[in-house]
N, C-alpha and C. Protein backbone atom coordinates (compact mmCIF):
# COMPACT_ATOMS: atom_id res chain seq x y z
N UNK A 1 91.82 32.56 159.04
CA UNK A 1 92.67 32.50 158.09
C UNK A 1 94.03 31.94 159.14
N UNK A 2 94.69 31.33 158.53
CA UNK A 2 95.75 30.53 158.71
C UNK A 2 96.94 31.44 159.21
N UNK A 3 98.24 31.20 159.52
CA UNK A 3 98.99 32.04 159.82
C UNK A 3 99.87 32.01 158.06
N UNK A 4 99.96 30.98 157.69
CA UNK A 4 100.47 30.96 156.36
C UNK A 4 99.67 31.48 155.29
N UNK A 5 98.41 31.46 155.45
CA UNK A 5 97.77 32.61 154.51
C UNK A 5 97.85 34.22 154.76
N UNK A 6 98.00 34.43 155.74
CA UNK A 6 98.10 35.95 156.38
C UNK A 6 99.69 36.43 155.82
N UNK A 7 100.87 35.34 155.78
CA UNK A 7 102.11 35.76 155.40
C UNK A 7 102.13 35.93 153.81
N UNK A 8 101.30 35.18 153.24
CA UNK A 8 101.04 35.19 151.97
C UNK A 8 100.28 36.54 151.62
N UNK A 9 99.62 36.90 151.97
CA UNK A 9 98.84 38.39 151.72
C UNK A 9 99.99 39.43 152.14
N UNK A 10 100.76 39.26 152.90
CA UNK A 10 101.62 40.47 153.68
C UNK A 10 102.74 40.29 152.57
N UNK A 11 103.19 39.35 151.98
CA UNK A 11 104.26 39.27 150.72
C UNK A 11 103.77 40.12 149.37
N UNK A 12 102.59 39.97 149.26
CA UNK A 12 102.02 40.77 147.91
C UNK A 12 102.11 42.33 148.02
N UNK A 13 102.77 42.74 146.87
CA UNK A 13 103.12 44.00 147.03
C UNK A 13 101.51 44.94 146.87
N UNK A 14 101.45 45.81 147.54
CA UNK A 14 100.38 46.85 147.46
C UNK A 14 100.14 47.39 146.10
N UNK A 15 99.14 47.66 145.33
CA UNK A 15 99.10 48.28 143.95
C UNK A 15 98.51 49.65 144.32
N UNK A 16 98.71 50.54 143.36
CA UNK A 16 97.61 51.96 143.51
C UNK A 16 96.13 51.49 143.23
N UNK A 17 96.26 50.59 142.20
CA UNK A 17 94.61 50.60 141.85
C UNK A 17 93.92 49.69 143.07
N UNK A 18 94.52 49.11 143.80
CA UNK A 18 93.97 48.36 145.09
C UNK A 18 93.49 49.38 145.97
N UNK A 19 93.89 50.41 145.93
CA UNK A 19 93.65 51.58 147.06
C UNK A 19 92.68 52.65 146.43
N UNK A 20 93.08 53.28 145.40
CA UNK A 20 92.52 54.35 144.48
C UNK A 20 91.79 53.62 143.09
N UNK A 21 91.04 54.55 142.54
CA UNK A 21 90.68 54.37 141.14
C UNK A 21 91.41 55.02 140.49
N UNK A 22 92.17 54.21 139.48
CA UNK A 22 93.21 54.79 138.79
C UNK A 22 92.77 54.79 137.05
N UNK A 23 93.30 55.76 136.38
CA UNK A 23 92.97 55.87 135.05
C UNK A 23 93.21 54.51 134.22
N UNK A 24 92.76 54.26 133.11
CA UNK A 24 92.96 53.34 132.37
C UNK A 24 94.23 53.37 131.57
N UNK A 25 94.67 54.71 131.21
CA UNK A 25 96.20 54.85 130.74
C UNK A 25 97.18 55.20 131.70
N UNK A 26 97.05 54.65 132.84
CA UNK A 26 98.16 54.80 133.71
C UNK A 26 99.23 53.98 133.50
N UNK A 27 100.45 54.34 133.24
CA UNK A 27 101.43 53.33 133.13
C UNK A 27 101.93 52.26 134.22
N UNK A 28 102.19 51.42 134.06
CA UNK A 28 102.50 50.16 135.03
C UNK A 28 103.33 50.55 136.27
N UNK A 29 104.47 51.65 135.73
CA UNK A 29 105.21 51.89 136.87
C UNK A 29 104.57 52.63 138.14
N UNK A 30 103.43 53.51 137.57
CA UNK A 30 102.83 54.28 138.64
C UNK A 30 101.79 53.21 139.42
N UNK A 31 101.53 52.18 138.88
CA UNK A 31 100.63 51.26 139.69
C UNK A 31 101.42 50.49 140.39
N UNK A 32 102.70 50.15 140.53
CA UNK A 32 103.38 49.59 141.30
C UNK A 32 104.50 50.15 142.06
N UNK A 33 104.31 50.74 142.88
CA UNK A 33 105.48 51.87 143.61
C UNK A 33 106.76 50.98 144.21
N UNK A 34 106.41 49.77 144.35
CA UNK A 34 107.73 48.93 144.53
C UNK A 34 108.74 48.87 143.56
N UNK A 35 108.49 48.73 142.45
CA UNK A 35 109.37 48.70 141.30
C UNK A 35 110.08 50.01 141.28
N UNK A 36 109.97 50.80 141.97
CA UNK A 36 111.30 51.84 141.92
C UNK A 36 112.32 51.90 142.73
N UNK A 37 113.54 51.72 141.75
CA UNK A 37 114.82 51.32 142.53
C UNK A 37 115.77 52.57 142.48
N UNK A 38 116.75 52.36 143.35
CA UNK A 38 117.72 53.51 143.18
C UNK A 38 117.85 54.42 144.39
N UNK A 39 117.06 53.87 145.40
CA UNK A 39 116.86 55.11 146.52
C UNK A 39 118.02 54.21 147.78
N UNK A 40 118.82 55.21 148.11
CA UNK A 40 120.13 54.78 148.69
C UNK A 40 119.82 54.44 150.19
N UNK A 41 120.45 53.45 150.74
CA UNK A 41 120.36 53.28 152.14
C UNK A 41 122.08 53.81 152.74
N UNK A 42 122.51 54.61 152.06
CA UNK A 42 123.87 55.10 152.43
C UNK A 42 123.65 55.82 153.66
N UNK A 43 124.48 55.99 154.91
CA UNK A 43 124.03 56.58 155.94
C UNK A 43 124.93 57.87 155.97
N UNK A 44 124.31 58.86 155.77
CA UNK A 44 125.13 60.12 155.73
C UNK A 44 125.50 60.42 157.15
N UNK A 45 126.47 61.42 157.27
CA UNK A 45 126.60 62.31 158.65
C UNK A 45 125.47 62.85 159.31
N UNK A 46 124.94 62.85 160.30
CA UNK A 46 123.80 63.44 160.62
C UNK A 46 123.87 65.02 160.85
N UNK A 47 125.03 65.45 160.96
CA UNK A 47 125.55 66.69 160.99
C UNK A 47 125.16 67.44 159.75
N UNK A 48 125.54 66.98 158.76
CA UNK A 48 125.50 67.29 157.23
C UNK A 48 124.21 66.77 156.80
N UNK A 49 123.26 66.33 157.10
CA UNK A 49 121.90 65.54 156.73
C UNK A 49 121.11 66.62 156.52
N UNK A 50 120.30 66.99 155.25
CA UNK A 50 119.08 67.63 155.22
C UNK A 50 117.94 67.08 155.11
N UNK A 51 116.81 67.83 155.35
CA UNK A 51 115.67 67.28 155.41
C UNK A 51 115.40 66.67 153.94
N UNK A 52 115.65 67.53 152.66
CA UNK A 52 115.41 66.64 151.73
C UNK A 52 115.98 65.55 151.33
N UNK A 53 117.37 65.24 151.98
CA UNK A 53 117.83 63.88 151.73
C UNK A 53 117.07 62.79 152.40
N UNK A 54 116.46 63.38 153.66
CA UNK A 54 115.76 62.30 154.16
C UNK A 54 114.45 62.15 153.69
N UNK A 55 113.97 63.09 152.93
CA UNK A 55 112.58 62.78 152.13
C UNK A 55 113.01 61.99 151.06
N UNK A 56 113.88 62.27 150.16
CA UNK A 56 114.19 61.75 148.92
C UNK A 56 114.80 60.44 149.29
N UNK A 57 115.22 60.01 150.23
CA UNK A 57 115.91 58.61 150.45
C UNK A 57 114.57 57.40 150.77
N UNK A 58 113.45 58.02 151.29
CA UNK A 58 112.54 57.22 151.21
C UNK A 58 111.53 56.59 149.94
N UNK A 59 111.32 55.16 149.70
CA UNK A 59 110.58 54.84 148.76
C UNK A 59 109.09 55.52 148.62
N UNK A 60 108.63 55.78 147.44
CA UNK A 60 107.24 56.08 147.25
C UNK A 60 106.28 55.13 147.72
N UNK A 61 105.13 55.54 148.55
CA UNK A 61 103.92 54.59 148.56
C UNK A 61 103.15 54.80 147.72
N UNK A 62 101.86 53.77 148.03
CA UNK A 62 100.58 54.03 147.08
C UNK A 62 100.07 55.33 146.97
N UNK A 63 100.00 55.95 148.51
CA UNK A 63 99.21 57.00 148.65
C UNK A 63 100.06 58.62 147.87
N UNK A 64 101.23 58.33 147.54
CA UNK A 64 101.89 59.36 146.94
C UNK A 64 102.16 59.17 145.38
N UNK A 65 101.68 57.99 144.70
CA UNK A 65 101.43 57.53 143.10
C UNK A 65 100.34 58.44 142.71
N UNK A 66 100.60 58.96 141.73
CA UNK A 66 99.55 59.63 140.74
C UNK A 66 98.54 58.65 140.20
N UNK A 67 97.16 59.17 140.22
CA UNK A 67 96.03 58.21 139.58
C UNK A 67 96.00 58.18 138.01
N UNK A 68 96.23 59.46 137.46
CA UNK A 68 96.17 59.68 135.95
C UNK A 68 97.62 60.01 135.80
N UNK A 69 97.38 60.13 134.15
CA UNK A 69 98.69 60.31 133.33
C UNK A 69 98.24 61.25 132.23
N UNK A 70 98.91 62.27 132.23
CA UNK A 70 98.71 63.20 130.97
C UNK A 70 99.95 63.24 130.39
N UNK A 71 100.32 62.49 129.20
CA UNK A 71 101.80 62.98 128.75
C UNK A 71 101.45 63.67 127.64
N UNK A 72 102.76 64.21 127.03
CA UNK A 72 102.88 65.11 125.89
C UNK A 72 102.74 64.39 124.59
N UNK A 73 102.39 65.10 123.60
CA UNK A 73 102.38 64.64 122.45
C UNK A 73 103.65 64.62 121.48
N UNK A 74 104.68 65.63 121.94
CA UNK A 74 105.99 65.53 121.04
C UNK A 74 105.70 66.02 119.98
N UNK A 75 104.79 66.69 119.46
CA UNK A 75 104.70 67.45 118.02
C UNK A 75 106.06 68.44 117.78
N UNK A 76 106.24 69.07 118.98
CA UNK A 76 107.38 69.91 118.57
C UNK A 76 108.68 69.13 118.53
N UNK A 77 109.13 68.27 119.31
CA UNK A 77 110.22 67.66 119.62
C UNK A 77 110.46 66.39 118.53
N UNK A 78 109.46 66.21 117.68
CA UNK A 78 109.92 64.89 116.83
C UNK A 78 110.53 65.08 115.91
N UNK A 79 110.56 66.16 115.00
CA UNK A 79 111.62 66.49 114.04
C UNK A 79 113.06 66.45 114.63
N UNK A 80 113.25 67.12 115.66
CA UNK A 80 114.67 67.02 116.69
C UNK A 80 114.97 65.45 117.18
N UNK A 81 113.90 64.88 117.38
CA UNK A 81 114.51 63.22 117.63
C UNK A 81 115.20 62.67 116.53
N UNK A 82 114.25 62.89 115.34
CA UNK A 82 114.82 62.07 114.11
C UNK A 82 116.28 62.50 113.72
N UNK A 83 116.47 64.02 113.74
CA UNK A 83 117.70 64.56 113.24
C UNK A 83 118.90 64.72 114.13
N UNK A 84 118.56 64.84 115.34
CA UNK A 84 119.55 65.16 116.40
C UNK A 84 119.50 66.75 117.06
N UNK A 85 120.23 66.72 117.87
CA UNK A 85 120.47 68.38 118.46
C UNK A 85 121.47 68.84 117.33
N UNK A 86 120.94 70.23 117.21
CA UNK A 86 121.80 71.15 116.37
C UNK A 86 123.03 71.32 116.94
N UNK A 87 124.15 71.41 116.09
CA UNK A 87 125.65 71.50 116.60
C UNK A 87 126.32 72.72 115.66
N UNK A 88 126.87 73.80 116.13
CA UNK A 88 127.47 74.56 115.46
C UNK A 88 128.99 74.45 115.28
N UNK A 89 129.44 74.04 114.02
CA UNK A 89 130.47 73.75 113.50
C UNK A 89 131.19 74.88 113.10
N UNK A 90 130.83 76.25 113.14
CA UNK A 90 131.36 77.22 112.83
C UNK A 90 132.86 77.65 113.36
N UNK A 91 133.64 78.58 112.81
CA UNK A 91 135.00 78.92 113.46
C UNK A 91 134.92 80.15 114.40
N UNK A 92 135.40 79.88 115.47
CA UNK A 92 135.18 80.93 116.62
C UNK A 92 136.38 81.82 116.31
N UNK A 93 135.98 83.17 115.80
CA UNK A 93 136.99 84.27 115.61
C UNK A 93 136.98 85.27 116.65
N UNK A 94 136.21 85.28 117.96
CA UNK A 94 136.04 86.31 118.69
C UNK A 94 137.15 86.33 119.52
N UNK A 95 137.68 87.26 120.39
CA UNK A 95 138.91 87.21 121.32
C UNK A 95 138.04 87.10 122.51
N UNK A 96 138.71 85.83 123.41
CA UNK A 96 138.51 85.83 124.85
C UNK A 96 138.88 86.48 125.72
N UNK A 97 138.06 87.39 126.67
CA UNK A 97 138.44 88.33 127.57
C UNK A 97 139.09 87.62 128.90
N UNK A 98 140.01 88.10 129.41
CA UNK A 98 140.64 87.31 130.65
C UNK A 98 139.97 88.12 131.71
N UNK A 99 139.54 87.16 132.79
CA UNK A 99 139.15 87.88 133.97
C UNK A 99 140.51 88.14 134.73
N UNK A 100 141.55 87.57 134.52
CA UNK A 100 142.77 87.68 135.54
C UNK A 100 143.38 88.99 135.22
N UNK A 101 143.83 89.18 133.97
CA UNK A 101 144.65 90.43 133.41
C UNK A 101 143.87 91.32 132.74
N UNK A 102 143.17 92.47 133.34
CA UNK A 102 142.42 93.50 132.99
C UNK A 102 143.28 94.70 132.52
N UNK A 103 142.82 95.64 131.46
CA UNK A 103 143.67 96.46 131.29
C UNK A 103 144.20 97.51 132.47
N UNK A 104 145.37 97.70 132.48
CA UNK A 104 145.89 98.48 133.89
C UNK A 104 146.61 97.45 134.82
N UNK A 105 146.43 96.20 134.57
CA UNK A 105 147.18 95.27 135.29
C UNK A 105 148.48 94.54 134.88
N UNK A 106 149.16 94.15 135.72
CA UNK A 106 150.60 93.49 135.18
C UNK A 106 150.11 92.09 134.34
N UNK A 107 150.41 92.22 133.43
CA UNK A 107 150.21 90.57 132.68
C UNK A 107 150.82 89.64 133.36
N UNK A 108 150.29 88.10 133.29
CA UNK A 108 150.98 87.14 134.21
C UNK A 108 151.87 86.28 133.16
N UNK A 109 153.05 86.84 132.98
CA UNK A 109 154.13 86.42 132.05
C UNK A 109 154.93 85.28 132.89
N UNK A 110 155.30 84.38 132.55
CA UNK A 110 156.67 83.89 133.21
C UNK A 110 157.82 84.58 133.38
N UNK A 111 158.25 84.89 134.49
CA UNK A 111 159.34 85.74 134.60
C UNK A 111 160.80 84.76 134.50
N UNK A 112 161.84 85.45 133.83
CA UNK A 112 163.01 84.55 133.93
C UNK A 112 163.72 84.19 135.24
N UNK A 113 164.23 83.03 135.11
CA UNK A 113 164.78 82.81 136.55
C UNK A 113 165.94 83.59 137.16
N UNK A 114 166.68 83.96 136.09
CA UNK A 114 167.98 84.70 136.46
C UNK A 114 168.23 85.54 135.43
N UNK A 115 168.86 86.68 135.37
CA UNK A 115 169.33 87.25 134.33
C UNK A 115 170.59 86.44 133.61
N UNK A 116 170.80 86.79 132.29
CA UNK A 116 171.91 86.31 131.55
C UNK A 116 173.24 86.82 132.41
N UNK A 117 174.34 85.98 132.48
CA UNK A 117 175.44 86.29 133.10
C UNK A 117 176.36 87.14 132.15
N UNK A 118 177.10 88.13 132.54
CA UNK A 118 177.60 89.14 131.89
C UNK A 118 178.51 88.27 130.52
N UNK A 119 179.13 87.30 130.89
CA UNK A 119 179.97 86.63 129.84
C UNK A 119 179.29 86.41 128.59
N UNK A 120 177.92 85.57 129.16
CA UNK A 120 176.94 85.13 128.27
C UNK A 120 176.41 86.05 127.34
N UNK A 121 176.13 87.62 127.88
CA UNK A 121 175.62 88.29 127.37
C UNK A 121 176.74 88.97 126.41
N UNK A 122 178.01 89.17 126.45
CA UNK A 122 179.20 89.67 125.69
C UNK A 122 178.97 88.54 124.48
N UNK A 123 179.18 87.41 124.81
CA UNK A 123 179.31 86.47 123.73
C UNK A 123 178.15 86.40 122.71
N UNK A 124 177.28 86.80 123.04
CA UNK A 124 175.78 86.83 122.40
C UNK A 124 176.33 87.94 121.09
N UNK A 125 176.79 89.14 121.79
CA UNK A 125 176.72 90.41 121.02
C UNK A 125 178.14 90.44 120.03
N UNK A 126 179.17 89.22 120.32
CA UNK A 126 180.21 88.85 119.76
C UNK A 126 181.43 89.59 120.18
N UNK A 127 181.18 90.07 121.61
CA UNK A 127 182.10 90.73 121.85
C UNK A 127 182.91 89.70 122.68
N UNK A 128 184.49 89.65 122.91
CA UNK A 128 185.23 88.75 123.62
C UNK A 128 185.63 89.19 124.83
N UNK A 129 185.64 88.53 125.98
CA UNK A 129 186.27 88.96 127.31
C UNK A 129 187.66 88.92 127.13
N UNK A 130 188.48 90.07 127.71
CA UNK A 130 190.09 90.32 127.50
C UNK A 130 190.43 89.29 128.43
């Protein structure tokens, strides 16, 4: 084998069917693990990095791909797909309970900044100052 032939073999991505016996109904995305995108190359702070982040940042290999595919029939959700999700357009008449102001606590109302001046209080009552 020449160097050029060995480099061509290395550049060809390995398929799941090359290593394992796969089912005929297996979708192509499971036969080609190199087609999975979106795995981040972002470097996290090692102090806050978890083992799940390390495991999830790696692309899947041929050995982690499924060899059979058992899809669902969608008998239950087929009418829902045609009509859309249920939406409640009813009028809400219930009272909402506040977590902050329970019975027996002081209600959180805005307090006046300052009491009215005496001359303003008399002016409102119709009493004039001598």
